[in-house]
Amino acid sequence: MALNIGAAAVVFVALAGCGQTGPLYMPTPPAKPQPTPAVPPAMPPVSSSVAQ
């Protein structure tokens, strides 16, 4: 008899302590950082004199 009361008390305490009180909600996700714009590679200087 005492075992049944003890088991019932454990189950009651476990169920009473579970979860968050109040309404359920989905948390807002963290903001993603903005990607930095890609810098195009530097072009080598073009010479105007062409060897012929």
PDB file of N, CA and C in Angstrom:
ATOM      1  N   MET A   1       0.826  -1.197   0.000  1.00  0.00           N
ATOM      2  CA  MET A   1       0.000   0.000   0.000  1.00  0.00           C
ATOM      3  C   MET A   1       0.869   1.258   0.000  1.00  0.00           C
ATOM      4  N   ALA A   2       1.886   1.293   0.824  1.00  0.00           N
ATOM      5  CA  ALA A   2       2.772   2.451   0.897  1.00  0.00           C
ATOM      6  C   ALA A   2       3.544   2.612  -0.414  1.00  0.00           C
ATOM      7  N   LEU A   3       3.852   1.471  -1.057  1.00  0.00           N
ATOM      8  CA  LEU A   3       4.563   1.526  -2.337  1.00  0.00           C
ATOM      9  C   LEU A   3       3.686   2.169  -3.403  1.00  0.00           C
ATOM     10  N   ASN A   4       2.412   1.872  -3.406  1.00  0.00           N
ATOM     11  CA  ASN A   4       1.494   2.470  -4.384  1.00  0.00           C
ATOM     12  C   ASN A   4       1.364   3.974  -4.168  1.00  0.00           C
ATOM     13  N   ILE A   5       1.290   4.393  -2.913  1.00  0.00           N
ATOM     14  CA  ILE A   5       1.182   5.830  -2.620  1.00  0.00           C
ATOM     15  C   ILE A   5       2.478   6.539  -3.008  1.00  0.00           C
ATOM     16  N   GLY A   6       3.607   5.914  -2.724  1.00  0.00           N
ATOM     17  CA  GLY A   6       4.905   6.498  -3.079  1.00  0.00           C
ATOM     18  C   GLY A   6       5.073   6.598  -4.591  1.00  0.00           C
ATOM     19  N   ALA A   7       4.684   5.558  -5.318  1.00  0.00           N
ATOM     20  CA  ALA A   7       4.782   5.575  -6.782  1.00  0.00           C
ATOM     21  C   ALA A   7       3.851   6.636  -7.359  1.00  0.00           C
ATOM     22  N   ALA A   8       2.648   6.749  -6.803  1.00  0.00           N
ATOM     23  CA  ALA A   8       1.702   7.763  -7.281  1.00  0.00           C
ATOM     24  C   ALA A   8       2.246   9.164  -7.009  1.00  0.00           C
ATOM     25  N   ALA A   9       2.893   9.356  -5.860  1.00  0.00           N
ATOM     26  CA  ALA A   9       3.463  10.663  -5.529  1.00  0.00           C
ATOM     27  C   ALA A   9       4.598  11.019  -6.492  1.00  0.00           C
ATOM     28  N   VAL A  10       5.429  10.040  -6.819  1.00  0.00           N
ATOM     29  CA  VAL A  10       6.541  10.288  -7.753  1.00  0.00           C
ATOM     30  C   VAL A  10       5.995  10.653  -9.129  1.00  0.00           C
ATOM     31  N   VAL A  11       4.992   9.922  -9.589  1.00  0.00           N
ATOM     32  CA  VAL A  11       4.407  10.210 -10.904  1.00  0.00           C
ATOM     33  C   VAL A  11       3.757  11.593 -10.901  1.00  0.00           C
ATOM     34  N   PHE A  12       3.040  11.917  -9.835  1.00  0.00           N
ATOM     35  CA  PHE A  12       2.381  13.224  -9.747  1.00  0.00           C
ATOM     36  C   PHE A  12       3.401  14.363  -9.768  1.00  0.00           C
ATOM     37  N   VAL A  13       4.472  14.215  -9.014  1.00  0.00           N
ATOM     38  CA  VAL A  13       5.498  15.275  -8.964  1.00  0.00           C
ATOM     39  C   VAL A  13       6.196  15.398 -10.318  1.00  0.00           C
ATOM     40  N   ALA A  14       6.457  14.262 -10.966  1.00  0.00           N
ATOM     41  CA  ALA A  14       7.118  14.302 -12.277  1.00  0.00           C
ATOM     42  C   ALA A  14       6.226  14.988 -13.308  1.00  0.00           C
ATOM     43  N   LEU A  15       4.942  14.674 -13.294  1.00  0.00           N
ATOM     44  CA  LEU A  15       4.042  15.288 -14.259  1.00  0.00           C
ATOM     45  C   LEU A  15       3.772  16.756 -13.939  1.00  0.00           C
ATOM     46  N   ALA A  16       3.753  17.111 -12.690  1.00  0.00           N
ATOM     47  CA  ALA A  16       3.499  18.490 -12.304  1.00  0.00           C
ATOM     48  C   ALA A  16       4.691  19.385 -12.649  1.00  0.00           C
ATOM     49  N   GLY A  17       5.896  18.824 -12.654  1.00  0.00           N
ATOM     50  CA  GLY A  17       7.095  19.620 -12.920  1.00  0.00           C
ATOM     51  C   GLY A  17       7.469  19.701 -14.382  1.00  0.00           C
ATOM     52  N   CYS A  18       6.751  19.018 -15.253  1.00  0.00           N
ATOM     53  CA  CYS A  18       7.109  19.007 -16.679  1.00  0.00           C
ATOM     54  C   CYS A  18       6.548  20.223 -17.402  1.00  0.00           C
ATOM     55  N   GLY A  19       7.297  20.722 -18.320  1.00  0.00           N
ATOM     56  CA  GLY A  19       6.792  21.751 -19.225  1.00  0.00           C
ATOM     57  C   GLY A  19       6.882  23.160 -18.683  1.00  0.00           C
ATOM     58  N   GLN A  20       6.549  24.068 -19.544  1.00  0.00           N
ATOM     59  CA  GLN A  20       6.562  25.492 -19.218  1.00  0.00           C
ATOM     60  C   GLN A  20       5.120  25.936 -19.023  1.00  0.00           C
ATOM     61  N   THR A  21       4.881  26.701 -17.999  1.00  0.00           N
ATOM     62  CA  THR A  21       3.529  27.198 -17.771  1.00  0.00           C
ATOM     63  C   THR A  21       3.248  28.339 -18.740  1.00  0.00           C
ATOM     64  N   GLY A  22       2.027  28.532 -19.087  1.00  0.00           N
ATOM     65  CA  GLY A  22       1.646  29.601 -20.001  1.00  0.00           C
ATOM     66  C   GLY A  22       1.487  29.079 -21.411  1.00  0.00           C
ATOM     67  N   PRO A  23       1.167  29.968 -22.333  1.00  0.00           N
ATOM     68  CA  PRO A  23       0.927  29.548 -23.713  1.00  0.00           C
ATOM     69  C   PRO A  23       2.232  29.126 -24.396  1.00  0.00           C
ATOM     70  N   LEU A  24       2.098  28.232 -25.342  1.00  0.00           N
ATOM     71  CA  LEU A  24       3.266  27.790 -26.109  1.00  0.00           C
ATOM     72  C   LEU A  24       3.519  28.773 -27.236  1.00  0.00           C
ATOM     73  N   TYR A  25       4.769  28.952 -27.604  1.00  0.00           N
ATOM     74  CA  TYR A  25       5.117  29.862 -28.687  1.00  0.00           C
ATOM     75  C   TYR A  25       6.399  29.372 -29.338  1.00  0.00           C
ATOM     76  N   MET A  26       6.597  29.791 -30.561  1.00  0.00           N
ATOM     77  CA  MET A  26       7.839  29.488 -31.269  1.00  0.00           C
ATOM     78  C   MET A  26       8.761  30.693 -31.121  1.00  0.00           C
ATOM     79  N   PRO A  27       9.975  30.497 -30.622  1.00  0.00           N
ATOM     80  CA  PRO A  27      10.892  31.638 -30.479  1.00  0.00           C
ATOM     81  C   PRO A  27      11.310  32.150 -31.854  1.00  0.00           C
ATOM     82  N   THR A  28      11.588  33.428 -31.940  1.00  0.00           N
ATOM     83  CA  THR A  28      12.031  34.000 -33.211  1.00  0.00           C
ATOM     84  C   THR A  28      13.471  33.570 -33.471  1.00  0.00           C
ATOM     85  N   PRO A  29      13.775  33.167 -34.703  1.00  0.00           N
ATOM     86  CA  PRO A  29      15.150  32.748 -34.995  1.00  0.00           C
ATOM     87  C   PRO A  29      16.093  33.943 -34.955  1.00  0.00           C
ATOM     88  N   PRO A  30      17.360  33.726 -34.635  1.00  0.00           N
ATOM     89  CA  PRO A  30      18.319  34.840 -34.619  1.00  0.00           C
ATOM     90  C   PRO A  30      18.534  35.377 -36.031  1.00  0.00           C
ATOM     91  N   ALA A  31      18.813  36.663 -36.131  1.00  0.00           N
ATOM     92  CA  ALA A  31      19.035  37.297 -37.430  1.00  0.00           C
ATOM     93  C   ALA A  31      20.331  36.777 -38.040  1.00  0.00           C
ATOM     94  N   LYS A  32      20.277  36.501 -39.337  1.00  0.00           N
ATOM     95  CA  LYS A  32      21.482  36.026 -40.026  1.00  0.00           C
ATOM     96  C   LYS A  32      22.345  37.229 -40.389  1.00  0.00           C
ATOM     97  N   PRO A  33      23.661  37.112 -40.246  1.00  0.00           N
ATOM     98  CA  PRO A  33      24.534  38.235 -40.625  1.00  0.00           C
ATOM     99  C   PRO A  33      24.500  38.443 -42.135  1.00  0.00           C
ATOM    100  N   GLN A  34      24.582  39.698 -42.551  1.00  0.00           N
ATOM    101  CA  GLN A  34      24.569  40.024 -43.973  1.00  0.00           C
ATOM    102  C   GLN A  34      25.912  39.634 -44.585  1.00  0.00           C
ATOM    103  N   PRO A  35      25.893  38.938 -45.723  1.00  0.00           N
ATOM    104  CA  PRO A  35      27.171  38.567 -46.349  1.00  0.00           C
ATOM    105  C   PRO A  35      27.860  39.804 -46.929  1.00  0.00           C
ATOM    106  N   THR A  36      29.169  39.807 -46.853  1.00  0.00           N
ATOM    107  CA  THR A  36      29.927  40.930 -47.409  1.00  0.00           C
ATOM    108  C   THR A  36      29.976  40.772 -48.923  1.00  0.00           C
ATOM    109  N   PRO A  37      29.876  41.860 -49.671  1.00  0.00           N
ATOM    110  CA  PRO A  37      29.906  41.753 -51.136  1.00  0.00           C
ATOM    111  C   PRO A  37      31.279  41.270 -51.597  1.00  0.00           C
ATOM    112  N   ALA A  38      31.258  40.430 -52.608  1.00  0.00           N
ATOM    113  CA  ALA A  38      32.512  39.886 -53.133  1.00  0.00           C
ATOM    114  C   ALA A  38      33.247  40.971 -53.942  1.00  0.00           C
ATOM    115  N   VAL A  39      34.532  41.080 -53.722  1.00  0.00           N
ATOM    116  CA  VAL A  39      35.360  42.051 -54.440  1.00  0.00           C
ATOM    117  C   VAL A  39      35.915  41.345 -55.673  1.00  0.00           C
ATOM    118  N   PRO A  40      35.701  41.904 -56.869  1.00  0.00           N
ATOM    119  CA  PRO A  40      36.237  41.247 -58.068  1.00  0.00           C
ATOM    120  C   PRO A  40      37.773  41.272 -58.045  1.00  0.00           C
ATOM    121  N   PRO A  41      38.405  40.256 -58.610  1.00  0.00           N
ATOM    122  CA  PRO A  41      39.879  40.236 -58.607  1.00  0.00           C
ATOM    123  C   PRO A  41      40.426  41.390 -59.450  1.00  0.00           C
ATOM    124  N   ALA A  42      41.581  41.871 -59.037  1.00  0.00           N
ATOM    125  CA  ALA A  42      42.215  42.989 -59.742  1.00  0.00           C
ATOM    126  C   ALA A  42      42.701  42.523 -61.111  1.00  0.00           C
ATOM    127  N   MET A  43      42.433  43.344 -62.121  1.00  0.00           N
ATOM    128  CA  MET A  43      42.873  43.021 -63.481  1.00  0.00           C
ATOM    129  C   MET A  43      44.316  43.507 -63.659  1.00  0.00           C
ATOM    130  N   PRO A  44      45.138  42.732 -64.350  1.00  0.00           N
ATOM    131  CA  PRO A  44      46.526  43.212 -64.590  1.00  0.00           C
ATOM    132  C   PRO A  44      46.489  44.411 -65.533  1.00  0.00           C
ATOM    133  N   PRO A  45      47.442  45.312 -65.386  1.00  0.00           N
ATOM    134  CA  PRO A  45      47.463  46.494 -66.274  1.00  0.00           C
ATOM    135  C   PRO A  45      47.669  46.072 -67.726  1.00  0.00           C
ATOM    136  N   VAL A  46      46.929  46.718 -68.591  1.00  0.00           N
ATOM    137  CA  VAL A  46      47.035  46.423 -70.046  1.00  0.00           C
ATOM    138  C   VAL A  46      47.947  47.475 -70.654  1.00  0.00           C
ATOM    139  N   SER A  47      48.973  47.005 -71.378  1.00  0.00           N
ATOM    140  CA  SER A  47      49.897  47.952 -72.015  1.00  0.00           C
ATOM    141  C   SER A  47      49.364  48.304 -73.407  1.00  0.00           C
ATOM    142  N   SER A  48      49.577  49.529 -73.805  1.00  0.00           N
ATOM    143  CA  SER A  48      49.090  49.963 -75.110  1.00  0.00           C
ATOM    144  C   SER A  48      50.085  49.643 -76.218  1.00  0.00           C
ATOM    145  N   SER A  49      51.317  49.370 -75.873  1.00  0.00           N
ATOM    146  CA  SER A  49      52.307  49.041 -76.891  1.00  0.00           C
ATOM    147  C   SER A  49      52.303  47.530 -77.102  1.00  0.00           C
ATOM    148  N   VAL A  50      52.074  47.124 -78.339  1.00  0.00           N
ATOM    149  CA  VAL A  50      52.014  45.703 -78.660  1.00  0.00           C
ATOM    150  C   VAL A  50      53.220  45.372 -79.525  1.00  0.00           C
ATOM    151  N   ALA A  51      53.960  44.343 -79.146  1.00  0.00           N
ATOM    152  CA  ALA A  51      55.140  43.940 -79.929  1.00  0.00           C
ATOM    153  C   ALA A  51      54.681  43.253 -81.197  1.00  0.00           C
ATOM    154  N   GLN A  52      55.231  43.694 -82.347  1.00  0.00           N
ATOM    155  CA  GLN A  52      54.826  43.097 -83.613  1.00  0.00           C
ATOM    156  C   GLN A  52      55.992  42.498 -84.323  1.00  0.00           C
TER     157      GLN A  52
END
